[in-house]
N, C-alpha and C. Protein backbone atom coordinates (compact mmCIF):
# COMPACT_ATOMS: atom_id res chain seq x y z
N MET A 1 -1.44 -13.84 5.24
CA MET A 1 -2.78 -13.32 5.36
C MET A 1 -3.52 -13.56 4.04
N LEU A 2 -4.77 -13.92 4.13
CA LEU A 2 -5.56 -14.18 2.94
C LEU A 2 -5.79 -12.92 2.12
N GLU A 3 -5.87 -13.09 0.81
CA GLU A 3 -6.05 -11.95 -0.08
C GLU A 3 -7.33 -11.19 0.26
N SER A 4 -8.39 -11.90 0.60
CA SER A 4 -9.65 -11.21 0.92
C SER A 4 -9.50 -10.32 2.15
N LYS A 5 -8.73 -10.76 3.14
CA LYS A 5 -8.49 -9.94 4.33
C LYS A 5 -7.63 -8.73 3.98
N LEU A 6 -6.65 -8.93 3.12
CA LEU A 6 -5.81 -7.81 2.69
C LEU A 6 -6.63 -6.77 1.93
N LYS A 7 -7.51 -7.24 1.06
CA LYS A 7 -8.35 -6.30 0.31
C LYS A 7 -9.25 -5.52 1.26
N TRP A 8 -9.73 -6.18 2.31
CA TRP A 8 -10.56 -5.48 3.29
C TRP A 8 -9.74 -4.38 3.98
N LYS A 9 -8.47 -4.68 4.30
CA LYS A 9 -7.60 -3.69 4.94
C LYS A 9 -7.29 -2.53 4.00
N CYS A 10 -7.42 -2.77 2.69
CA CYS A 10 -7.17 -1.72 1.71
C CYS A 10 -8.31 -0.71 1.64
N ARG A 11 -9.41 -1.00 2.27
CA ARG A 11 -10.56 -0.10 2.27
C ARG A 11 -10.31 1.00 3.29
N LYS A 12 -9.93 2.14 2.79
CA LYS A 12 -9.57 3.26 3.65
C LYS A 12 -10.62 4.37 3.64
N GLY A 13 -11.65 4.23 2.80
CA GLY A 13 -12.71 5.23 2.77
C GLY A 13 -12.53 6.33 1.74
N ILE A 14 -11.46 6.28 1.00
CA ILE A 14 -11.23 7.22 -0.09
C ILE A 14 -11.09 6.37 -1.35
N ARG A 15 -12.07 6.48 -2.22
CA ARG A 15 -12.18 5.57 -3.37
C ARG A 15 -10.88 5.41 -4.17
N GLU A 16 -10.24 6.52 -4.49
CA GLU A 16 -9.02 6.44 -5.30
C GLU A 16 -7.92 5.67 -4.57
N LEU A 17 -7.80 5.91 -3.27
CA LEU A 17 -6.80 5.19 -2.48
C LEU A 17 -7.16 3.71 -2.37
N ASP A 18 -8.44 3.42 -2.16
CA ASP A 18 -8.89 2.04 -2.10
C ASP A 18 -8.54 1.29 -3.38
N LEU A 19 -8.81 1.92 -4.52
CA LEU A 19 -8.52 1.29 -5.81
C LEU A 19 -7.02 1.08 -6.01
N LEU A 20 -6.24 2.06 -5.62
CA LEU A 20 -4.79 1.97 -5.76
C LEU A 20 -4.23 0.82 -4.92
N LEU A 21 -4.62 0.76 -3.66
CA LEU A 21 -4.12 -0.29 -2.77
C LEU A 21 -4.60 -1.67 -3.21
N THR A 22 -5.84 -1.76 -3.66
CA THR A 22 -6.38 -3.04 -4.14
C THR A 22 -5.65 -3.49 -5.40
N SER A 23 -5.35 -2.56 -6.28
CA SER A 23 -4.60 -2.88 -7.49
C SER A 23 -3.22 -3.42 -7.13
N TYR A 24 -2.59 -2.84 -6.13
CA TYR A 24 -1.28 -3.32 -5.65
C TYR A 24 -1.40 -4.77 -5.18
N ILE A 25 -2.45 -5.06 -4.44
CA ILE A 25 -2.66 -6.44 -3.95
C ILE A 25 -2.82 -7.39 -5.13
N GLU A 26 -3.64 -7.01 -6.08
CA GLU A 26 -3.95 -7.89 -7.21
C GLU A 26 -2.79 -8.08 -8.17
N ASN A 27 -1.95 -7.06 -8.33
CA ASN A 27 -0.93 -7.12 -9.38
C ASN A 27 0.52 -7.25 -8.92
N ILE A 28 0.80 -6.86 -7.69
CA ILE A 28 2.20 -6.81 -7.25
C ILE A 28 2.47 -7.67 -6.02
N PHE A 29 1.58 -7.62 -5.07
CA PHE A 29 1.80 -8.21 -3.76
C PHE A 29 2.32 -9.66 -3.82
N HIS A 30 1.71 -10.49 -4.62
CA HIS A 30 2.08 -11.92 -4.64
C HIS A 30 3.42 -12.20 -5.29
N THR A 31 3.98 -11.21 -5.94
CA THR A 31 5.30 -11.39 -6.56
C THR A 31 6.44 -10.99 -5.61
N LEU A 32 6.08 -10.41 -4.48
CA LEU A 32 7.08 -9.90 -3.53
C LEU A 32 7.61 -10.99 -2.61
N PRO A 33 8.84 -10.82 -2.15
CA PRO A 33 9.36 -11.72 -1.11
C PRO A 33 8.55 -11.52 0.17
N LYS A 34 8.57 -12.51 1.02
CA LYS A 34 7.78 -12.52 2.24
C LYS A 34 8.02 -11.27 3.11
N ASN A 35 9.27 -10.84 3.24
CA ASN A 35 9.54 -9.67 4.09
C ASN A 35 8.89 -8.41 3.55
N GLU A 36 8.83 -8.26 2.23
CA GLU A 36 8.18 -7.09 1.64
C GLU A 36 6.66 -7.19 1.75
N GLN A 37 6.14 -8.41 1.68
CA GLN A 37 4.70 -8.60 1.90
C GLN A 37 4.33 -8.17 3.32
N LEU A 38 5.15 -8.56 4.28
CA LEU A 38 4.90 -8.17 5.67
C LEU A 38 5.01 -6.66 5.85
N SER A 39 5.93 -6.04 5.14
CA SER A 39 6.04 -4.58 5.19
C SER A 39 4.79 -3.91 4.64
N PHE A 40 4.23 -4.47 3.58
CA PHE A 40 3.01 -3.90 3.02
C PHE A 40 1.85 -4.02 4.01
N VAL A 41 1.75 -5.16 4.66
CA VAL A 41 0.70 -5.35 5.67
C VAL A 41 0.87 -4.29 6.77
N GLU A 42 2.10 -4.05 7.17
CA GLU A 42 2.37 -3.02 8.17
C GLU A 42 2.02 -1.63 7.63
N PHE A 43 2.33 -1.38 6.37
CA PHE A 43 2.00 -0.11 5.74
C PHE A 43 0.49 0.14 5.76
N LEU A 44 -0.28 -0.90 5.54
CA LEU A 44 -1.74 -0.78 5.55
C LEU A 44 -2.30 -0.39 6.92
N GLU A 45 -1.53 -0.62 7.97
CA GLU A 45 -1.98 -0.27 9.31
C GLU A 45 -1.92 1.24 9.56
N LYS A 46 -1.25 1.96 8.69
CA LYS A 46 -1.15 3.41 8.84
C LYS A 46 -2.52 4.06 8.63
N ASP A 47 -2.69 5.22 9.22
CA ASP A 47 -3.90 6.00 9.06
C ASP A 47 -4.08 6.37 7.57
N THR A 48 -5.32 6.44 7.15
CA THR A 48 -5.65 6.78 5.76
C THR A 48 -4.94 8.05 5.29
N TYR A 49 -5.02 9.10 6.09
CA TYR A 49 -4.44 10.37 5.67
C TYR A 49 -2.92 10.37 5.76
N ASP A 50 -2.37 9.53 6.60
CA ASP A 50 -0.91 9.38 6.61
C ASP A 50 -0.45 8.74 5.30
N ILE A 51 -1.18 7.73 4.84
CA ILE A 51 -0.85 7.08 3.56
C ILE A 51 -0.96 8.08 2.42
N LEU A 52 -2.05 8.85 2.40
CA LEU A 52 -2.21 9.86 1.36
C LEU A 52 -1.07 10.87 1.38
N ASP A 53 -0.74 11.35 2.56
CA ASP A 53 0.35 12.32 2.67
C ASP A 53 1.68 11.74 2.22
N ILE A 54 1.92 10.48 2.54
CA ILE A 54 3.15 9.81 2.10
C ILE A 54 3.19 9.74 0.57
N LEU A 55 2.08 9.32 -0.03
CA LEU A 55 2.03 9.17 -1.48
C LEU A 55 2.10 10.51 -2.22
N MET A 56 1.66 11.57 -1.55
CA MET A 56 1.71 12.90 -2.16
C MET A 56 3.00 13.63 -1.83
N GLY A 57 3.89 12.98 -1.08
CA GLY A 57 5.18 13.57 -0.76
C GLY A 57 5.12 14.63 0.33
N LYS A 58 4.06 14.62 1.11
CA LYS A 58 3.89 15.62 2.17
C LYS A 58 4.34 15.12 3.53
N LYS A 59 4.67 13.86 3.62
CA LYS A 59 5.03 13.27 4.91
C LYS A 59 6.17 12.28 4.70
N SER A 60 7.09 12.26 5.64
CA SER A 60 8.19 11.29 5.56
C SER A 60 7.71 9.93 6.06
N TYR A 61 8.48 8.91 5.75
CA TYR A 61 8.11 7.55 6.13
C TYR A 61 9.37 6.72 6.32
N ASP A 62 9.18 5.59 6.95
CA ASP A 62 10.28 4.66 7.22
C ASP A 62 10.84 4.15 5.89
N HIS A 63 12.15 4.08 5.81
CA HIS A 63 12.84 3.63 4.59
C HIS A 63 12.38 2.24 4.13
N LYS A 64 11.95 1.39 5.04
CA LYS A 64 11.53 0.03 4.66
C LYS A 64 10.30 0.04 3.74
N PHE A 65 9.59 1.17 3.67
CA PHE A 65 8.41 1.27 2.81
C PHE A 65 8.74 1.88 1.44
N GLU A 66 10.01 2.14 1.18
CA GLU A 66 10.42 2.83 -0.05
C GLU A 66 9.92 2.13 -1.32
N SER A 67 10.10 0.83 -1.41
CA SER A 67 9.68 0.12 -2.63
C SER A 67 8.16 0.09 -2.76
N ILE A 68 7.47 0.02 -1.64
CA ILE A 68 6.00 0.03 -1.66
C ILE A 68 5.50 1.38 -2.17
N VAL A 69 6.03 2.45 -1.59
CA VAL A 69 5.62 3.80 -1.98
C VAL A 69 5.94 4.04 -3.46
N SER A 70 7.10 3.64 -3.89
CA SER A 70 7.49 3.81 -5.27
C SER A 70 6.55 3.04 -6.20
N SER A 71 6.25 1.81 -5.86
CA SER A 71 5.33 1.00 -6.68
C SER A 71 3.94 1.61 -6.72
N LEU A 72 3.45 2.08 -5.57
CA LEU A 72 2.11 2.70 -5.53
C LEU A 72 2.06 3.96 -6.37
N LYS A 73 3.12 4.75 -6.35
CA LYS A 73 3.15 5.98 -7.12
C LYS A 73 3.18 5.71 -8.62
N ASN A 74 3.73 4.56 -9.01
CA ASN A 74 3.88 4.24 -10.44
C ASN A 74 2.89 3.20 -10.95
N ILE A 75 1.96 2.78 -10.15
CA ILE A 75 1.11 1.66 -10.51
C ILE A 75 0.23 1.93 -11.73
N ASN A 76 -0.20 3.14 -11.94
CA ASN A 76 -1.09 3.44 -13.06
C ASN A 76 -0.41 4.18 -14.20
N LYS A 77 0.90 4.19 -14.21
CA LYS A 77 1.62 4.90 -15.28
C LYS A 77 1.84 4.01 -16.47
């Protein structure tokens, strides 16, 4: 998927989340193996508030998203 389309999918309507997901695309996504890239695309299909709840530790998620969630939580540290 083209980077511009991915960035569009990162637009969830909550500025902080949009910036976080876009930063992931710009800095991490292209370094990942293809299977992890596909997992991230799948992760983006989740509802905005589901993603927020996952990142805040309020909701469980599929183990295949573990590295994505971990990277997103640590992206600005």
